[in-house]
Amino acid sequence: SCVSMVRNHYEQWLAGKPGFEHLRDNTFELCEYLVDIAKVTKVDGD
């Protein structure tokens, strides 16, 4: 929910400000970061 706040709702206040597009496009929830960005393919545990 907090990541969605940044990615989907901050534009109403931050549009056009330096660095905002980078922040918006590079803020991730933990699981999506592990799968999509860190490219974790193996989880070894019990």
All heavy atoms as atom14 arrays in JSON, in Angstrom:
{
  "sequence": "SCVSMVRNHYEQWLAGKPGFEHLRDNTFELCEYLVDIAKVTKVDGD",
  "atom14_mask": [
    [1, 1, 1, 1, 1, 1, 0, 0, 0, 0, 0, 0, 0, 0],
    [1, 1, 1, 1, 1, 1, 0, 0, 0, 0, 0, 0, 0, 0],
    [1, 1, 1, 1, 1, 1, 1, 0, 0, 0, 0, 0, 0, 0],
    [1, 1, 1, 1, 1, 1, 0, 0, 0, 0, 0, 0, 0, 0],
    [1, 1, 1, 1, 1, 1, 1, 1, 0, 0, 0, 0, 0, 0],
    [1, 1, 1, 1, 1, 1, 1, 0, 0, 0, 0, 0, 0, 0],
    [1, 1, 1, 1, 1, 1, 1, 1, 1, 1, 1, 0, 0, 0],
    [1, 1, 1, 1, 1, 1, 1, 1, 0, 0, 0, 0, 0, 0],
    [1, 1, 1, 1, 1, 1, 1, 1, 1, 1, 0, 0, 0, 0],
    [1, 1, 1, 1, 1, 1, 1, 1, 1, 1, 1, 1, 0, 0],
    [1, 1, 1, 1, 1, 1, 1, 1, 1, 0, 0, 0, 0, 0],
    [1, 1, 1, 1, 1, 1, 1, 1, 1, 0, 0, 0, 0, 0],
    [1, 1, 1, 1, 1, 1, 1, 1, 1, 1, 1, 1, 1, 1],
    [1, 1, 1, 1, 1, 1, 1, 1, 0, 0, 0, 0, 0, 0],
    [1, 1, 1, 1, 1, 0, 0, 0, 0, 0, 0, 0, 0, 0],
    [1, 1, 1, 1, 0, 0, 0, 0, 0, 0, 0, 0, 0, 0],
    [1, 1, 1, 1, 1, 1, 1, 1, 1, 0, 0, 0, 0, 0],
    [1, 1, 1, 1, 1, 1, 1, 0, 0, 0, 0, 0, 0, 0],
    [1, 1, 1, 1, 0, 0, 0, 0, 0, 0, 0, 0, 0, 0],
    [1, 1, 1, 1, 1, 1, 1, 1, 1, 1, 1, 0, 0, 0],
    [1, 1, 1, 1, 1, 1, 1, 1, 1, 0, 0, 0, 0, 0],
    [1, 1, 1, 1, 1, 1, 1, 1, 1, 1, 0, 0, 0, 0],
    [1, 1, 1, 1, 1, 1, 1, 1, 0, 0, 0, 0, 0, 0],
    [1, 1, 1, 1, 1, 1, 1, 1, 1, 1, 1, 0, 0, 0],
    [1, 1, 1, 1, 1, 1, 1, 1, 0, 0, 0, 0, 0, 0],
    [1, 1, 1, 1, 1, 1, 1, 1, 0, 0, 0, 0, 0, 0],
    [1, 1, 1, 1, 1, 1, 1, 0, 0, 0, 0, 0, 0, 0],
    [1, 1, 1, 1, 1, 1, 1, 1, 1, 1, 1, 0, 0, 0],
    [1, 1, 1, 1, 1, 1, 1, 1, 1, 0, 0, 0, 0, 0],
    [1, 1, 1, 1, 1, 1, 1, 1, 0, 0, 0, 0, 0, 0],
    [1, 1, 1, 1, 1, 1, 0, 0, 0, 0, 0, 0, 0, 0],
    [1, 1, 1, 1, 1, 1, 1, 1, 1, 0, 0, 0, 0, 0],
    [1, 1, 1, 1, 1, 1, 1, 1, 1, 1, 1, 1, 0, 0],
    [1, 1, 1, 1, 1, 1, 1, 1, 0, 0, 0, 0, 0, 0],
    [1, 1, 1, 1, 1, 1, 1, 0, 0, 0, 0, 0, 0, 0],
    [1, 1, 1, 1, 1, 1, 1, 1, 0, 0, 0, 0, 0, 0],
    [1, 1, 1, 1, 1, 1, 1, 1, 0, 0, 0, 0, 0, 0],
    [1, 1, 1, 1, 1, 0, 0, 0, 0, 0, 0, 0, 0, 0],
    [1, 1, 1, 1, 1, 1, 1, 1, 1, 0, 0, 0, 0, 0],
    [1, 1, 1, 1, 1, 1, 1, 0, 0, 0, 0, 0, 0, 0],
    [1, 1, 1, 1, 1, 1, 1, 0, 0, 0, 0, 0, 0, 0],
    [1, 1, 1, 1, 1, 1, 1, 1, 1, 0, 0, 0, 0, 0],
    [1, 1, 1, 1, 1, 1, 1, 0, 0, 0, 0, 0, 0, 0],
    [1, 1, 1, 1, 1, 1, 1, 1, 0, 0, 0, 0, 0, 0],
    [1, 1, 1, 1, 0, 0, 0, 0, 0, 0, 0, 0, 0, 0],
    [1, 1, 1, 1, 1, 1, 1, 1, 0, 0, 0, 0, 0, 0]
  ],
  "atom14_positions": [
    [[0.82, -1.21, 0.0], [0.0, 0.0, 0.0], [0.85, 1.26, 0.0], [0.56, 2.23, -0.71], [-0.96, -0.01, 1.19], [-0.27, 0.01, 2.41], [0.0, 0.0, 0.0], [0.0, 0.0, 0.0], [0.0, 0.0, 0.0], [0.0, 0.0, 0.0], [0.0, 0.0, 0.0], [0.0, 0.0, 0.0], [0.0, 0.0, 0.0], [0.0, 0.0, 0.0]],
    [[1.94, 1.28, 0.77], [2.8, 2.45, 0.8], [3.55, 2.62, -0.52], [3.72, 3.74, -1.01], [3.78, 2.36, 1.96], [2.99, 2.44, 3.59], [0.0, 0.0, 0.0], [0.0, 0.0, 0.0], [0.0, 0.0, 0.0], [0.0, 0.0, 0.0], [0.0, 0.0, 0.0], [0.0, 0.0, 0.0], [0.0, 0.0, 0.0], [0.0, 0.0, 0.0]],
    [[3.98, 1.51, -1.1], [4.65, 1.58, -2.41], [3.66, 2.09, -3.46], [4.01, 2.91, -4.31], [5.22, 0.21, -2.8], [5.63, 0.2, -4.28], [6.42, -0.12, -1.92], [0.0, 0.0, 0.0], [0.0, 0.0, 0.0], [0.0, 0.0, 0.0], [0.0, 0.0, 0.0], [0.0, 0.0, 0.0], [0.0, 0.0, 0.0], [0.0, 0.0, 0.0]],
    [[2.44, 1.63, -3.41], [1.43, 2.11, -4.36], [1.18, 3.6, -4.18], [0.92, 4.31, -5.15], [0.13, 1.33, -4.19], [-0.85, 1.79, -5.09], [0.0, 0.0, 0.0], [0.0, 0.0, 0.0], [0.0, 0.0, 0.0], [0.0, 0.0, 0.0], [0.0, 0.0, 0.0], [0.0, 0.0, 0.0], [0.0, 0.0, 0.0], [0.0, 0.0, 0.0]],
    [[1.25, 4.07, -2.95], [1.08, 5.5, -2.69], [2.13, 6.3, -3.48], [1.81, 7.29, -4.14], [1.23, 5.76, -1.19], [1.1, 7.22, -0.79], [-0.59, 7.82, -0.99], [-0.37, 9.53, -0.46], [0.0, 0.0, 0.0], [0.0, 0.0, 0.0], [0.0, 0.0, 0.0], [0.0, 0.0, 0.0], [0.0, 0.0, 0.0], [0.0, 0.0, 0.0]],
    [[3.37, 5.83, -3.44], [4.45, 6.52, -4.14], [4.28, 6.39, -5.65], [4.36, 7.39, -6.39], [5.82, 5.96, -3.72], [6.95, 6.6, -4.52], [6.04, 6.16, -2.22], [0.0, 0.0, 0.0], [0.0, 0.0, 0.0], [0.0, 0.0, 0.0], [0.0, 0.0, 0.0], [0.0, 0.0, 0.0], [0.0, 0.0, 0.0], [0.0, 0.0, 0.0]],
    [[4.03, 5.18, -6.1], [4.0, 4.93, -7.55], [2.75, 5.48, -8.24], [2.82, 5.96, -9.38], [4.08, 3.41, -7.79], [5.44, 2.81, -7.49], [5.99, 2.01, -8.64], [5.21, 0.86, -8.99], [5.48, -0.39, -8.62], [6.52, -0.64, -7.83], [4.75, -1.38, -9.03], [0.0, 0.0, 0.0], [0.0, 0.0, 0.0], [0.0, 0.0, 0.0]],
    [[1.63, 5.43, -7.57], [0.37, 5.75, -8.24], [-0.31, 7.04, -7.79], [-1.24, 7.5, -8.46], [-0.62, 4.59, -8.04], [-0.15, 3.31, -8.71], [0.13, 3.29, -9.9], [-0.05, 2.23, -7.94], [0.0, 0.0, 0.0], [0.0, 0.0, 0.0], [0.0, 0.0, 0.0], [0.0, 0.0, 0.0], [0.0, 0.0, 0.0], [0.0, 0.0, 0.0]],
    [[0.14, 7.62, -6.68], [-0.59, 8.78, -6.14], [0.27, 10.01, -5.85], [-0.27, 11.08, -5.6], [-1.35, 8.36, -4.88], [-2.29, 7.23, -5.12], [-3.48, 7.37, -5.8], [-2.2, 5.91, -4.79], [-4.1, 6.18, -5.87], [-3.33, 5.29, -5.27], [0.0, 0.0, 0.0], [0.0, 0.0, 0.0], [0.0, 0.0, 0.0], [0.0, 0.0, 0.0]],
    [[1.6, 9.88, -5.88], [2.45, 11.03, -5.6], [2.46, 12.06, -6.73], [2.82, 13.21, -6.52], [3.89, 10.56, -5.35], [4.22, 10.32, -3.89], [3.23, 10.25, -2.91], [5.54, 10.18, -3.48], [3.55, 10.03, -1.59], [5.88, 9.96, -2.16], [4.87, 9.88, -1.2], [5.2, 9.68, 0.11], [0.0, 0.0, 0.0], [0.0, 0.0, 0.0]],
    [[2.09, 11.66, -7.92], [2.2, 12.57, -9.06], [1.4, 13.84, -8.87], [1.8, 14.91, -9.36], [1.77, 11.87, -10.35], [2.03, 12.7, -11.59], [1.95, 11.87, -12.86], [1.63, 10.68, -12.78], [2.2, 12.45, -13.93], [0.0, 0.0, 0.0], [0.0, 0.0, 0.0], [0.0, 0.0, 0.0], [0.0, 0.0, 0.0], [0.0, 0.0, 0.0]],
    [[0.3, 13.78, -8.15], [-0.53, 14.98, -7.95], [0.21, 16.08, -7.19], [-0.13, 17.26, -7.3], [-1.82, 14.61, -7.2], [-1.58, 13.99, -5.83], [-2.85, 13.44, -5.21], [-3.84, 14.18, -5.05], [-2.87, 12.16, -4.87], [0.0, 0.0, 0.0], [0.0, 0.0, 0.0], [0.0, 0.0, 0.0], [0.0, 0.0, 0.0], [0.0, 0.0, 0.0]],
    [[1.24, 15.7, -6.43], [2.03, 16.69, -5.69], [3.44, 16.88, -6.25], [4.03, 17.94, -6.06], [2.15, 16.27, -4.21], [0.83, 16.05, -3.56], [-0.16, 16.98, -3.37], [0.34, 14.83, -3.02], [-1.24, 16.41, -2.74], [-0.96, 15.08, -2.51], [0.86, 13.54, -2.9], [-1.74, 14.09, -1.91], [0.09, 12.56, -2.3], [-1.2, 12.83, -1.82]],
    [[3.96, 15.87, -6.91], [5.38, 15.9, -7.28], [5.65, 15.95, -8.78], [6.81, 15.96, -9.19], [6.08, 14.66, -6.69], [6.01, 14.5, -5.17], [6.75, 13.24, -4.74], [6.55, 15.72, -4.45], [0.0, 0.0, 0.0], [0.0, 0.0, 0.0], [0.0, 0.0, 0.0], [0.0, 0.0, 0.0], [0.0, 0.0, 0.0], [0.0, 0.0, 0.0]],
    [[4.62, 15.98, -9.59], [4.83, 16.0, -11.04], [5.74, 17.16, -11.45], [5.54, 18.31, -11.04], [3.48, 16.12, -11.76], [0.0, 0.0, 0.0], [0.0, 0.0, 0.0], [0.0, 0.0, 0.0], [0.0, 0.0, 0.0], [0.0, 0.0, 0.0], [0.0, 0.0, 0.0], [0.0, 0.0, 0.0], [0.0, 0.0, 0.0], [0.0, 0.0, 0.0]],
    [[6.77, 16.83, -12.23], [7.68, 17.84, -12.73], [8.84, 18.16, -11.81], [9.78, 18.86, -12.21], [0.0, 0.0, 0.0], [0.0, 0.0, 0.0], [0.0, 0.0, 0.0], [0.0, 0.0, 0.0], [0.0, 0.0, 0.0], [0.0, 0.0, 0.0], [0.0, 0.0, 0.0], [0.0, 0.0, 0.0], [0.0, 0.0, 0.0], [0.0, 0.0, 0.0]],
    [[8.82, 17.67, -10.59], [9.92, 17.95, -9.66], [11.12, 17.06, -10.0], [10.94, 15.88, -10.34], [9.47, 17.72, -8.22], [8.46, 18.76, -7.7], [8.17, 18.56, -6.23], [7.19, 19.61, -5.73], [7.77, 20.98, -5.74], [0.0, 0.0, 0.0], [0.0, 0.0, 0.0], [0.0, 0.0, 0.0], [0.0, 0.0, 0.0], [0.0, 0.0, 0.0]],
    [[12.32, 17.59, -9.91], [13.52, 16.8, -10.23], [13.61, 15.52, -9.4], [13.46, 15.56, -8.19], [14.67, 17.76, -9.88], [14.07, 19.12, -9.98], [12.65, 18.98, -9.53], [0.0, 0.0, 0.0], [0.0, 0.0, 0.0], [0.0, 0.0, 0.0], [0.0, 0.0, 0.0], [0.0, 0.0, 0.0], [0.0, 0.0, 0.0], [0.0, 0.0, 0.0]],
    [[13.83, 14.42, -10.09], [14.0, 13.14, -9.41], [12.73, 12.35, -9.19], [12.79, 11.17, -8.82], [0.0, 0.0, 0.0], [0.0, 0.0, 0.0], [0.0, 0.0, 0.0], [0.0, 0.0, 0.0], [0.0, 0.0, 0.0], [0.0, 0.0, 0.0], [0.0, 0.0, 0.0], [0.0, 0.0, 0.0], [0.0, 0.0, 0.0], [0.0, 0.0, 0.0]],
    [[11.56, 12.98, -9.42], [10.33, 12.26, -9.1], [10.1, 11.05, -10.0], [9.73, 9.97, -9.52], [9.11, 13.18, -9.18], [7.81, 12.41, -9.14], [7.5, 11.62, -8.03], [6.93, 12.41, -10.22], [6.32, 10.88, -7.99], [5.76, 11.67, -10.19], [5.45, 10.9, -9.07], [0.0, 0.0, 0.0], [0.0, 0.0, 0.0], [0.0, 0.0, 0.0]],
    [[10.3, 11.2, -11.3], [10.06, 10.07, -12.2], [10.95, 8.89, -11.85], [10.51, 7.74, -11.88], [10.25, 10.5, -13.66], [9.17, 11.43, -14.17], [9.26, 11.65, -15.66], [10.09, 10.97, -16.31], [8.52, 12.5, -16.18], [0.0, 0.0, 0.0], [0.0, 0.0, 0.0], [0.0, 0.0, 0.0], [0.0, 0.0, 0.0], [0.0, 0.0, 0.0]],
    [[12.19, 9.16, -11.53], [13.1, 8.09, -11.12], [12.6, 7.42, -9.84], [12.57, 6.19, -9.74], [14.5, 8.66, -10.88], [15.44, 7.67, -10.23], [16.06, 6.66, -10.92], [15.83, 7.54, -8.93], [16.8, 5.95, -10.08], [16.67, 6.46, -8.88], [0.0, 0.0, 0.0], [0.0, 0.0, 0.0], [0.0, 0.0, 0.0], [0.0, 0.0, 0.0]],
    [[12.18, 8.23, -8.87], [11.66, 7.67, -7.61], [10.43, 6.82, -7.86], [10.32, 5.7, -7.35], [11.33, 8.81, -6.65], [10.7, 8.4, -5.32], [11.73, 7.7, -4.44], [10.12, 9.61, -4.59], [0.0, 0.0, 0.0], [0.0, 0.0, 0.0], [0.0, 0.0, 0.0], [0.0, 0.0, 0.0], [0.0, 0.0, 0.0], [0.0, 0.0, 0.0]],
    [[9.5, 7.35, -8.64], [8.26, 6.64, -8.94], [8.52, 5.29, -9.6], [7.92, 4.28, -9.23], [7.38, 7.5, -9.85], [6.05, 6.86, -10.24], [5.43, 7.62, -11.4], [6.3, 7.59, -12.57], [6.23, 8.46, -13.58], [5.35, 9.44, -13.56], [7.04, 8.34, -14.61], [0.0, 0.0, 0.0], [0.0, 0.0, 0.0], [0.0, 0.0, 0.0]],
    [[9.43, 5.28, -10.55], [9.66, 4.07, -11.33], [10.57, 3.06, -10.64], [10.71, 1.93, -11.11], [10.28, 4.44, -12.69], [9.34, 5.28, -13.54], [8.13, 5.29, -13.26], [9.83, 5.93, -14.48], [0.0, 0.0, 0.0], [0.0, 0.0, 0.0], [0.0, 0.0, 0.0], [0.0, 0.0, 0.0], [0.0, 0.0, 0.0], [0.0, 0.0, 0.0]],
    [[11.18, 3.46, -9.54], [12.16, 2.59, -8.88], [11.85, 2.35, -7.41], [12.76, 2.06, -6.63], [13.56, 3.16, -9.05], [14.06, 3.05, -10.47], [14.5, 1.99, -10.91], [13.95, 4.15, -11.22], [0.0, 0.0, 0.0], [0.0, 0.0, 0.0], [0.0, 0.0, 0.0], [0.0, 0.0, 0.0], [0.0, 0.0, 0.0], [0.0, 0.0, 0.0]],
    [[10.6, 2.49, -7.04], [10.15, 2.15, -5.68], [9.35, 0.85, -5.77], [8.41, 0.75, -6.56], [9.29, 3.28, -5.09], [10.08, 4.47, -5.01], [8.8, 2.92, -3.7], [0.0, 0.0, 0.0], [0.0, 0.0, 0.0], [0.0, 0.0, 0.0], [0.0, 0.0, 0.0], [0.0, 0.0, 0.0], [0.0, 0.0, 0.0], [0.0, 0.0, 0.0]],
    [[9.74, -0.13, -4.95], [9.19, -1.47, -5.09], [8.77, -2.07, -3.74], [9.41, -1.83, -2.72], [10.23, -2.42, -5.71], [10.76, -1.97, -7.03], [11.95, -1.26, -7.12], [10.06, -2.24, -8.2], [12.44, -0.84, -8.35], [10.54, -1.81, -9.43], [11.74, -1.12, -9.5], [0.0, 0.0, 0.0], [0.0, 0.0, 0.0], [0.0, 0.0, 0.0]],
    [[7.72, -2.86, -3.8], [7.36, -3.73, -2.67], [8.38, -4.86, -2.62], [8.93, -5.25, -3.66], [5.94, -4.26, -2.87], [5.41, -5.12, -1.73], [5.9, -6.55, -1.83], [6.17, -7.03, -2.96], [6.03, -7.19, -0.77], [0.0, 0.0, 0.0], [0.0, 0.0, 0.0], [0.0, 0.0, 0.0], [0.0, 0.0, 0.0], [0.0, 0.0, 0.0]],
    [[8.64, -5.4, -1.44], [9.72, -6.38, -1.25], [9.62, -7.56, -2.21], [10.61, -7.9, -2.87], [9.71, -6.88, 0.2], [10.69, -8.01, 0.51], [12.14, -7.56, 0.33], [10.44, -8.56, 1.91], [0.0, 0.0, 0.0], [0.0, 0.0, 0.0], [0.0, 0.0, 0.0], [0.0, 0.0, 0.0], [0.0, 0.0, 0.0], [0.0, 0.0, 0.0]],
    [[8.47, -8.22, -2.28], [8.36, -9.43, -3.09], [8.54, -9.13, -4.57], [9.2, -9.89, -5.29], [7.01, -10.12, -2.86], [6.83, -10.8, -1.2], [0.0, 0.0, 0.0], [0.0, 0.0, 0.0], [0.0, 0.0, 0.0], [0.0, 0.0, 0.0], [0.0, 0.0, 0.0], [0.0, 0.0, 0.0], [0.0, 0.0, 0.0], [0.0, 0.0, 0.0]],
    [[7.96, -8.03, -5.05], [8.14, -7.71, -6.47], [9.58, -7.34, -6.75], [10.1, -7.63, -7.83], [7.17, -6.62, -6.93], [7.39, -5.26, -6.34], [6.57, -4.18, -7.04], [5.97, -4.44, -8.1], [6.54, -3.05, -6.51], [0.0, 0.0, 0.0], [0.0, 0.0, 0.0], [0.0, 0.0, 0.0], [0.0, 0.0, 0.0], [0.0, 0.0, 0.0]],
    [[10.26, -6.74, -5.78], [11.67, -6.44, -5.96], [12.49, -7.72, -6.08], [13.36, -7.85, -6.95], [12.2, -5.6, -4.8], [13.62, -5.12, -5.02], [13.89, -4.05, -5.85], [14.69, -5.77, -4.41], [15.2, -3.62, -6.08], [16.0, -5.35, -4.62], [16.25, -4.27, -5.45], [17.53, -3.87, -5.68], [0.0, 0.0, 0.0], [0.0, 0.0, 0.0]],
    [[12.21, -8.68, -5.21], [12.94, -9.94, -5.24], [12.73, -10.67, -6.57], [13.67, -11.23, -7.14], [12.52, -10.83, -4.08], [12.82, -10.31, -2.67], [12.24, -11.25, -1.62], [14.32, -10.13, -2.46], [0.0, 0.0, 0.0], [0.0, 0.0, 0.0], [0.0, 0.0, 0.0], [0.0, 0.0, 0.0], [0.0, 0.0, 0.0], [0.0, 0.0, 0.0]],
    [[11.5, -10.67, -7.06], [11.17, -11.42, -8.29], [11.56, -10.65, -9.55], [12.21, -11.2, -10.44], [9.67, -11.76, -8.31], [9.27, -12.38, -9.65], [9.33, -12.73, -7.17], [0.0, 0.0, 0.0], [0.0, 0.0, 0.0], [0.0, 0.0, 0.0], [0.0, 0.0, 0.0], [0.0, 0.0, 0.0], [0.0, 0.0, 0.0], [0.0, 0.0, 0.0]],
    [[11.21, -9.38, -9.62], [11.37, -8.62, -10.87], [12.72, -7.93, -11.02], [13.23, -7.8, -12.14], [10.27, -7.56, -10.99], [8.89, -8.16, -11.1], [8.79, -9.33, -11.49], [7.9, -7.44, -10.8], [0.0, 0.0, 0.0], [0.0, 0.0, 0.0], [0.0, 0.0, 0.0], [0.0, 0.0, 0.0], [0.0, 0.0, 0.0], [0.0, 0.0, 0.0]],
    [[13.31, -7.49, -9.92], [14.54, -6.69, -10.01], [15.76, -7.51, -9.59], [16.75, -7.59, -10.32], [14.43, -5.41, -9.16], [13.16, -4.63, -9.53], [15.68, -4.55, -9.34], [13.06, -4.24, -10.98], [0.0, 0.0, 0.0], [0.0, 0.0, 0.0], [0.0, 0.0, 0.0], [0.0, 0.0, 0.0], [0.0, 0.0, 0.0], [0.0, 0.0, 0.0]],
    [[15.71, -8.12, -8.4], [16.84, -8.94, -7.95], [16.91, -10.28, -8.67], [17.94, -10.96, -8.62], [16.75, -9.16, -6.43], [0.0, 0.0, 0.0], [0.0, 0.0, 0.0], [0.0, 0.0, 0.0], [0.0, 0.0, 0.0], [0.0, 0.0, 0.0], [0.0, 0.0, 0.0], [0.0, 0.0, 0.0], [0.0, 0.0, 0.0], [0.0, 0.0, 0.0]],
    [[15.81, -10.65, -9.34], [15.74, -11.88, -10.13], [16.07, -13.13, -9.3], [16.82, -14.0, -9.72], [16.7, -11.8, -11.33], [16.47, -10.63, -12.26], [15.11, -10.7, -12.94], [14.93, -9.57, -13.94], [13.57, -9.57, -14.56], [0.0, 0.0, 0.0], [0.0, 0.0, 0.0], [0.0, 0.0, 0.0], [0.0, 0.0, 0.0], [0.0, 0.0, 0.0]],
    [[15.48, -13.2, -8.11], [15.64, -14.39, -7.27], [14.94, -15.57, -7.93], [13.75, -15.5, -8.26], [15.07, -14.14, -5.86], [14.98, -15.44, -5.07], [15.91, -13.13, -5.12], [0.0, 0.0, 0.0], [0.0, 0.0, 0.0], [0.0, 0.0, 0.0], [0.0, 0.0, 0.0], [0.0, 0.0, 0.0], [0.0, 0.0, 0.0], [0.0, 0.0, 0.0]],
    [[15.66, -16.64, -8.14], [15.09, -17.84, -8.76], [15.11, -19.04, -7.83], [14.46, -20.05, -8.11], [15.84, -18.2, -10.05], [17.23, -18.42, -9.74], [15.71, -17.09, -11.09], [0.0, 0.0, 0.0], [0.0, 0.0, 0.0], [0.0, 0.0, 0.0], [0.0, 0.0, 0.0], [0.0, 0.0, 0.0], [0.0, 0.0, 0.0], [0.0, 0.0, 0.0]],
    [[15.86, -18.93, -6.73], [15.95, -20.06, -5.81], [15.77, -19.59, -4.38], [16.42, -18.65, -3.93], [17.3, -20.77, -5.95], [17.42, -22.01, -5.08], [18.75, -22.72, -5.31], [18.85, -23.97, -4.45], [20.15, -24.67, -4.64], [0.0, 0.0, 0.0], [0.0, 0.0, 0.0], [0.0, 0.0, 0.0], [0.0, 0.0, 0.0], [0.0, 0.0, 0.0]],
    [[14.86, -20.26, -3.66], [14.63, -20.0, -2.24], [14.88, -21.31, -1.51], [14.14, -22.28, -1.69], [13.2, -19.5, -1.98], [12.99, -19.25, -0.5], [12.92, -18.23, -2.79], [0.0, 0.0, 0.0], [0.0, 0.0, 0.0], [0.0, 0.0, 0.0], [0.0, 0.0, 0.0], [0.0, 0.0, 0.0], [0.0, 0.0, 0.0], [0.0, 0.0, 0.0]],
    [[15.91, -21.34, -0.69], [16.32, -22.56, -0.01], [16.06, -22.41, 1.49], [16.79, -21.69, 2.18], [17.8, -22.84, -0.27], [18.26, -24.16, 0.33], [17.39, -25.01, 0.64], [19.47, -24.34, 0.51], [0.0, 0.0, 0.0], [0.0, 0.0, 0.0], [0.0, 0.0, 0.0], [0.0, 0.0, 0.0], [0.0, 0.0, 0.0], [0.0, 0.0, 0.0]],
    [[15.02, -23.07, 1.97], [14.69, -22.95, 3.39], [13.54, -23.87, 3.76], [12.98, -24.57, 2.9], [0.0, 0.0, 0.0], [0.0, 0.0, 0.0], [0.0, 0.0, 0.0], [0.0, 0.0, 0.0], [0.0, 0.0, 0.0], [0.0, 0.0, 0.0], [0.0, 0.0, 0.0], [0.0, 0.0, 0.0], [0.0, 0.0, 0.0], [0.0, 0.0, 0.0]],
    [[13.2, -23.89, 5.03], [12.14, -24.76, 5.54], [11.04, -23.92, 6.19], [11.32, -22.94, 6.89], [12.71, -25.72, 6.6], [13.79, -26.63, 6.04], [13.45, -27.65, 5.43], [14.99, -26.29, 6.21], [0.0, 0.0, 0.0], [0.0, 0.0, 0.0], [0.0, 0.0, 0.0], [0.0, 0.0, 0.0], [0.0, 0.0, 0.0], [0.0, 0.0, 0.0]]
  ]
}
